[in-house]
Amino acid sequence: MLMTVIITLVVVVGVAVFMAVPAMRVNKAESAGGEDQ
């Protein structure tokens, strides 16, 4: 049971980081003064 919880947390955190990194890069690019889109 404990292993299942740990694996689930690792997967959730991994997905969150995987989703957040591109979003942070896009936000930084937009705030840097780029209105290409």
N, C-alpha and C. Protein backbone atom coordinates (compact mmCIF):
# COMPACT_ATOMS: atom_id res chain seq x y z
N MET A 1 0.85 -1.20 0.00
CA MET A 1 0.00 0.00 0.00
C MET A 1 0.88 1.24 0.00
N LEU A 2 1.90 1.24 0.87
CA LEU A 2 2.76 2.42 0.95
C LEU A 2 3.48 2.65 -0.37
N MET A 3 3.94 1.58 -0.99
CA MET A 3 4.63 1.73 -2.28
C MET A 3 3.70 2.33 -3.32
N THR A 4 2.42 1.92 -3.30
CA THR A 4 1.46 2.46 -4.26
C THR A 4 1.30 3.95 -4.07
N VAL A 5 1.22 4.39 -2.81
CA VAL A 5 1.06 5.81 -2.53
C VAL A 5 2.30 6.58 -2.99
N ILE A 6 3.47 6.04 -2.72
CA ILE A 6 4.71 6.73 -3.11
C ILE A 6 4.79 6.84 -4.63
N ILE A 7 4.50 5.74 -5.33
CA ILE A 7 4.56 5.77 -6.79
C ILE A 7 3.55 6.77 -7.34
N THR A 8 2.35 6.80 -6.76
CA THR A 8 1.34 7.75 -7.22
C THR A 8 1.82 9.18 -7.03
N LEU A 9 2.41 9.48 -5.87
CA LEU A 9 2.90 10.84 -5.62
C LEU A 9 4.01 11.20 -6.61
N VAL A 10 4.92 10.27 -6.88
CA VAL A 10 6.01 10.55 -7.82
C VAL A 10 5.44 10.84 -9.21
N VAL A 11 4.45 10.06 -9.62
CA VAL A 11 3.85 10.27 -10.94
C VAL A 11 3.16 11.62 -11.00
N VAL A 12 2.40 11.95 -9.96
CA VAL A 12 1.67 13.23 -9.95
C VAL A 12 2.65 14.40 -9.99
N VAL A 13 3.70 14.33 -9.17
CA VAL A 13 4.68 15.41 -9.15
C VAL A 13 5.39 15.50 -10.50
N GLY A 14 5.73 14.37 -11.08
CA GLY A 14 6.40 14.36 -12.38
C GLY A 14 5.53 15.01 -13.44
N VAL A 15 4.25 14.66 -13.47
CA VAL A 15 3.34 15.25 -14.45
C VAL A 15 3.20 16.75 -14.20
N ALA A 16 3.09 17.15 -12.94
CA ALA A 16 2.94 18.57 -12.61
C ALA A 16 4.15 19.35 -13.09
N VAL A 17 5.35 18.82 -12.85
CA VAL A 17 6.57 19.51 -13.30
C VAL A 17 6.61 19.54 -14.83
N PHE A 18 6.26 18.42 -15.46
CA PHE A 18 6.29 18.33 -16.92
C PHE A 18 5.34 19.34 -17.53
N MET A 19 4.19 19.60 -16.86
CA MET A 19 3.23 20.57 -17.38
C MET A 19 3.64 21.99 -17.03
N ALA A 20 4.28 22.20 -15.89
CA ALA A 20 4.57 23.55 -15.41
C ALA A 20 5.78 24.16 -16.12
N VAL A 21 6.78 23.36 -16.46
CA VAL A 21 8.00 23.91 -17.07
C VAL A 21 7.69 24.64 -18.38
N PRO A 22 6.99 24.03 -19.35
CA PRO A 22 6.69 24.77 -20.58
C PRO A 22 5.81 25.99 -20.31
N ALA A 23 4.89 25.89 -19.37
CA ALA A 23 4.02 27.03 -19.06
C ALA A 23 4.84 28.19 -18.51
N MET A 24 5.81 27.88 -17.63
CA MET A 24 6.67 28.93 -17.08
C MET A 24 7.50 29.57 -18.18
N ARG A 25 8.01 28.76 -19.11
CA ARG A 25 8.81 29.31 -20.21
C ARG A 25 7.95 30.22 -21.07
N VAL A 26 6.70 29.81 -21.35
CA VAL A 26 5.81 30.64 -22.16
C VAL A 26 5.51 31.95 -21.44
N ASN A 27 5.24 31.88 -20.14
CA ASN A 27 4.93 33.09 -19.38
C ASN A 27 6.13 34.03 -19.37
N LYS A 28 7.34 33.50 -19.20
CA LYS A 28 8.54 34.34 -19.21
C LYS A 28 8.72 34.98 -20.58
N ALA A 29 8.49 34.22 -21.64
CA ALA A 29 8.66 34.76 -22.99
C ALA A 29 7.65 35.88 -23.23
N GLU A 30 6.42 35.71 -22.76
CA GLU A 30 5.40 36.74 -22.96
C GLU A 30 5.74 37.98 -22.13
N SER A 31 6.18 37.79 -20.90
CA SER A 31 6.49 38.93 -20.04
C SER A 31 7.75 39.64 -20.52
N ALA A 32 8.58 38.96 -21.33
CA ALA A 32 9.81 39.57 -21.83
C ALA A 32 9.51 40.58 -22.94
N GLY A 33 8.25 40.67 -23.37
CA GLY A 33 7.89 41.66 -24.39
C GLY A 33 7.71 41.04 -25.75
N GLY A 34 7.29 39.78 -25.81
CA GLY A 34 7.08 39.13 -27.10
C GLY A 34 5.61 38.85 -27.32
N GLU A 35 5.00 39.56 -28.27
CA GLU A 35 3.58 39.32 -28.58
C GLU A 35 3.49 38.77 -29.99
N ASP A 36 4.16 37.65 -30.22
CA ASP A 36 4.16 37.06 -31.56
C ASP A 36 2.81 36.43 -31.87
N GLN A 37 2.19 35.85 -30.83
CA GLN A 37 0.89 35.20 -31.06
C GLN A 37 -0.23 36.08 -30.56
